Amino acid sequence: MTGENGRRALVVRGGWEGHAPVAATDLFVPHLEKNGFEVELADSPAPYADAGFMAGVDLIVQCYTMGTIEPEQLRGLEAAIRAGTGMAGWHGGIADSYRNSSDYLHLIGGQFACHPGKDPAEREGTQADNYVPYTVNMLPEAGSHPITEGITDFDLVTEQYWVLTDDYIDVLATTTQKVRPWDPWHREVTSPAVWTRQWGEGRIFVATPGHSVDVLEHDSVRTIIERGMLWAAR
């Protein structure tokens, strides 16, 4: 059975528990259901290998940090997106998944490299060591894009992702790593914070904020992700 508009969403959640994959995705399931999706949940990328099932999936929402993906699962994921299935995700759940697969990194278009932390003298050995204040800067093209229309620059205190990307992404927002006295780099580095990618007939949406549920509940972050999921869907 599919949703009232005939669409199906597959939510794949798991991997590193530090990103609270169940609580994080539970935050967005009601939004999908409200928009007419039947939502199916999976705790691994195994469904990607089922071509018959994937042919009926209109949107993949993935929150699966690190972990591994098998070759047949990756082939199924890529084939589904190429044929028109959308894919959406945030933070490490999409941009730091399946480090064993260069083909996955190529599909997504951006890969987590690091999240520079606080002054070493202030670190206490917890996740909060990596929470720093930073700004998400909206690009001019974001002003009229359906994902980001009406959203202005906003500030967060959380992990700031430095990502490695290619030129085949359409960037809607960026964030700039500053140079601080304890950093080894010598000039500021700007990374995409929100981007999209067209792959065959499918659309991919990525937002790098989203380390924890409280960040996902930030008005701008939540709005961007909710819109991004709908934009990506077939």
Protein backbone atom coordinates (compact mmCIF):
# COMPACT_ATOMS: atom_id res chain seq x y z
CA MET A 1 0.00 0.00 0.00
CA THR A 2 1.28 3.44 -0.91
CA GLY A 3 0.36 6.87 0.40
CA GLU A 4 -2.67 8.85 -0.65
CA ASN A 5 -0.74 10.35 -3.57
CA GLY A 6 0.71 6.96 -4.51
CA ARG A 7 4.24 7.66 -3.30
CA ARG A 8 6.54 5.60 -1.11
CA ALA A 9 9.47 6.75 1.03
CA LEU A 10 12.17 4.42 2.31
CA VAL A 11 13.95 5.61 5.45
CA VAL A 12 17.30 3.87 5.93
CA ARG A 13 18.71 4.55 9.39
CA GLY A 14 21.55 3.11 11.41
CA GLY A 15 25.32 3.12 11.53
CA TRP A 16 27.05 5.18 14.20
CA GLU A 17 24.64 5.82 17.06
CA GLY A 18 26.17 9.19 17.90
CA HIS A 19 23.92 10.77 15.26
CA ALA A 20 20.78 9.32 16.86
CA PRO A 21 19.52 7.84 13.58
CA VAL A 22 16.17 6.66 14.96
CA ALA A 23 15.29 9.84 16.85
CA ALA A 24 16.55 12.02 13.99
CA THR A 25 14.51 10.29 11.31
CA ASP A 26 11.46 10.01 13.56
CA LEU A 27 11.46 13.80 13.55
CA PHE A 28 10.71 13.84 9.81
CA VAL A 29 8.47 10.80 9.30
CA PRO A 30 5.28 12.74 10.20
CA HIS A 31 6.19 15.37 7.59
CA LEU A 32 6.49 12.68 4.94
CA GLU A 33 3.21 11.06 5.96
CA LYS A 34 1.47 14.44 5.99
CA ASN A 35 2.62 14.88 2.40
CA GLY A 36 1.12 11.58 1.32
CA PHE A 37 4.02 9.16 1.54
CA GLU A 38 3.78 5.65 2.83
CA VAL A 39 6.96 5.37 4.91
CA GLU A 40 8.92 2.15 5.22
CA LEU A 41 11.80 1.82 7.68
CA ALA A 42 15.01 -0.17 7.29
CA ASP A 43 17.98 -0.53 9.65
CA SER A 44 20.51 -1.28 6.91
CA PRO A 45 21.07 -0.57 3.20
CA ALA A 46 19.94 -4.12 2.36
CA PRO A 47 16.72 -2.97 0.59
CA TYR A 48 18.81 -1.16 -2.01
CA ALA A 49 19.70 -4.54 -3.53
CA ASP A 50 16.03 -5.40 -4.22
CA ALA A 51 15.43 -3.95 -7.69
CA GLY A 52 11.72 -4.74 -7.69
CA PHE A 53 11.18 -2.99 -4.38
CA MET A 54 13.35 -0.01 -5.26
CA ALA A 55 11.43 0.55 -8.49
CA GLY A 56 8.47 1.53 -6.33
CA VAL A 57 10.41 3.87 -4.02
CA ASP A 58 10.01 7.56 -4.81
CA LEU A 59 12.24 8.92 -2.05
CA ILE A 60 15.11 7.54 0.02
CA VAL A 61 15.83 9.33 3.28
CA GLN A 62 19.14 8.03 4.57
CA CYS A 63 20.59 8.57 8.05
CA TYR A 64 23.35 5.97 8.12
CA THR A 65 26.71 7.24 9.32
CA MET A 66 29.82 5.24 8.44
CA GLY A 67 29.00 1.55 8.17
CA THR A 68 29.52 -0.36 4.94
CA ILE A 69 27.56 -0.99 1.77
CA GLU A 70 27.82 -4.17 -0.27
CA PRO A 71 28.46 -3.94 -4.03
CA GLU A 72 25.00 -5.18 -4.97
CA GLN A 73 23.41 -2.68 -2.57
CA LEU A 74 25.36 0.20 -4.06
CA ARG A 75 24.48 -0.90 -7.59
CA GLY A 76 20.81 -1.01 -6.62
CA LEU A 77 20.92 2.41 -5.00
CA GLU A 78 22.63 4.01 -7.98
CA ALA A 79 20.27 2.34 -10.45
CA ALA A 80 17.20 3.47 -8.51
CA ILE A 81 18.38 7.09 -8.40
CA ARG A 82 19.37 6.99 -12.05
CA ALA A 83 15.82 5.83 -12.84
CA GLY A 84 14.18 8.64 -10.86
CA THR A 85 14.16 7.75 -7.16
CA GLY A 86 15.10 10.79 -5.07
CA MET A 87 17.57 10.69 -2.20
CA ALA A 88 17.83 13.08 0.73
CA GLY A 89 19.79 13.26 3.94
CA TRP A 90 21.75 15.38 6.36
CA HIS A 91 25.10 15.49 8.10
CA GLY A 92 27.00 12.21 8.44
CA GLY A 93 23.90 10.20 7.59
CA ILE A 94 24.48 10.90 3.91
CA ALA A 95 27.83 12.72 3.64
CA ASP A 96 29.80 10.31 5.84
CA SER A 97 28.25 7.00 4.85
CA TYR A 98 29.98 3.90 3.49
CA ARG A 99 33.58 5.07 3.51
CA ASN A 100 34.47 1.76 1.84
CA SER A 101 32.83 2.81 -1.43
CA SER A 102 34.33 5.44 -3.72
CA ASP A 103 31.35 4.93 -6.03
CA TYR A 104 29.00 6.01 -3.23
CA LEU A 105 31.08 9.14 -2.64
CA HIS A 106 30.88 9.87 -6.36
CA LEU A 107 27.10 9.45 -6.31
CA ILE A 108 26.59 11.92 -3.45
CA GLY A 109 29.11 14.49 -4.65
CA GLY A 110 30.51 15.49 -1.27
CA GLN A 111 32.25 13.68 1.55
CA PHE A 112 32.85 14.65 5.17
CA ALA A 113 36.53 15.34 5.80
CA CYS A 114 36.56 16.75 9.34
CA HIS A 115 34.83 19.04 11.83
CA PRO A 116 37.51 21.25 13.39
CA GLY A 117 36.91 21.62 17.10
CA LYS A 118 37.43 24.05 19.92
CA ASP A 119 40.69 25.36 21.28
CA PRO A 120 42.53 22.23 22.52
CA ALA A 121 42.80 23.85 25.95
CA GLU A 122 38.98 23.85 26.22
CA ARG A 123 38.36 20.26 25.19
CA GLU A 124 36.99 17.76 27.70
CA GLY A 125 36.89 14.54 25.71
CA THR A 126 33.20 14.73 24.72
CA GLN A 127 31.31 15.33 21.48
CA ALA A 128 30.94 18.96 22.57
CA ASP A 129 34.65 19.42 21.88
CA ASN A 130 33.62 19.72 18.24
CA TYR A 131 30.75 22.18 18.75
CA VAL A 132 31.77 25.59 17.44
CA PRO A 133 29.80 28.71 16.49
CA TYR A 134 29.50 29.21 12.75
CA THR A 135 27.29 30.74 10.08
CA VAL A 136 25.45 29.07 7.22
CA ASN A 137 25.60 31.54 4.34
CA MET A 138 22.85 31.39 1.73
CA LEU A 139 23.99 31.96 -1.85
CA PRO A 140 22.09 34.30 -4.20
CA GLU A 141 20.60 31.37 -6.14
CA ALA A 142 19.09 30.09 -2.88
CA GLY A 143 16.71 33.04 -2.79
CA SER A 144 14.44 31.59 -5.44
CA HIS A 145 15.08 27.85 -5.01
CA PRO A 146 12.12 25.88 -3.61
CA ILE A 147 14.33 24.38 -0.89
CA THR A 148 15.72 27.64 0.45
CA GLU A 149 13.42 30.46 -0.69
CA GLY A 150 12.95 33.04 2.05
CA ILE A 151 15.70 31.63 4.29
CA THR A 152 18.49 34.02 5.25
CA ASP A 153 21.92 33.36 6.76
CA PHE A 154 21.71 31.69 10.16
CA ASP A 155 24.05 30.78 13.00
CA LEU A 156 24.57 27.43 14.71
CA VAL A 157 26.72 26.03 17.50
CA THR A 158 27.42 22.44 16.52
CA GLU A 159 29.78 20.46 14.30
CA GLN A 160 30.86 22.50 11.28
CA TYR A 161 31.51 20.13 8.39
CA TRP A 162 34.51 20.60 6.16
CA VAL A 163 33.56 18.57 3.08
CA LEU A 164 35.39 17.51 -0.07
CA THR A 165 33.24 18.01 -3.15
CA ASP A 166 33.28 18.10 -6.94
CA ASP A 167 31.97 20.65 -9.44
CA TYR A 168 28.88 18.63 -10.32
CA ILE A 169 26.87 19.83 -7.34
CA ASP A 170 24.54 22.81 -7.21
CA VAL A 171 25.36 24.68 -4.01
CA LEU A 172 22.64 26.60 -2.18
CA ALA A 173 24.53 27.46 1.01
CA THR A 174 28.08 27.43 2.28
CA THR A 175 29.98 27.69 5.55
CA THR A 176 33.50 29.01 6.02
CA GLN A 177 36.11 27.53 8.31
CA LYS A 178 38.06 30.31 9.95
CA VAL A 179 41.78 30.19 10.68
CA ARG A 180 42.33 30.08 14.42
CA PRO A 181 45.65 30.20 16.28
CA TRP A 182 45.72 26.43 16.84
CA ASP A 183 44.73 25.42 13.28
CA PRO A 184 47.33 24.08 10.82
CA TRP A 185 45.74 25.66 7.71
CA HIS A 186 46.67 29.17 6.65
CA ARG A 187 43.61 30.54 4.88
CA GLU A 188 39.86 30.29 5.27
CA VAL A 189 38.16 27.30 3.63
CA THR A 190 34.58 27.50 2.34
CA SER A 191 32.58 24.27 2.08
CA PRO A 192 29.09 23.61 0.75
CA ALA A 193 26.52 23.34 3.55
CA VAL A 194 23.44 22.63 1.38
CA TRP A 195 23.63 21.19 -2.12
CA THR A 196 21.70 19.27 -4.73
CA ARG A 197 22.79 16.91 -7.48
CA GLN A 198 20.99 15.55 -10.53
CA TRP A 199 21.80 11.91 -11.26
CA GLY A 200 20.12 10.45 -14.32
CA GLU A 201 16.42 11.06 -13.72
CA GLY A 202 16.89 11.31 -9.94
CA ARG A 203 17.57 14.16 -7.58
CA ILE A 204 19.86 14.16 -4.53
CA PHE A 205 19.63 16.64 -1.65
CA VAL A 206 22.25 17.07 1.10
CA ALA A 207 22.42 19.37 4.14
CA THR A 208 25.49 19.17 6.36
CA PRO A 209 23.95 20.56 9.60
CA GLY A 210 22.19 17.92 11.67
CA HIS A 211 24.56 16.36 14.18
CA SER A 212 21.87 16.11 16.85
CA VAL A 213 18.11 16.39 17.21
CA ASP A 214 18.29 19.90 18.64
CA VAL A 215 20.12 21.08 15.52
CA LEU A 216 17.54 19.39 13.31
CA GLU A 217 14.83 21.23 15.25
CA HIS A 218 16.37 24.62 14.42
CA ASP A 219 13.75 26.40 12.32
CA SER A 220 15.95 27.00 9.29
CA VAL A 221 17.61 23.57 9.35
CA ARG A 222 14.30 21.76 9.72
CA THR A 223 12.64 23.80 6.97
CA ILE A 224 15.50 23.19 4.56
CA ILE A 225 15.44 19.43 5.20
CA GLU A 226 11.66 19.15 4.98
CA ARG A 227 11.64 21.04 1.69
CA GLY A 228 14.70 19.16 0.44
CA MET A 229 13.04 15.79 0.91
CA LEU A 230 9.98 16.86 -1.07
CA TRP A 231 12.12 18.46 -3.77
CA ALA A 232 14.18 15.29 -4.23
CA ALA A 233 11.22 12.90 -4.38
CA ARG A 234 10.14 11.51 -7.70
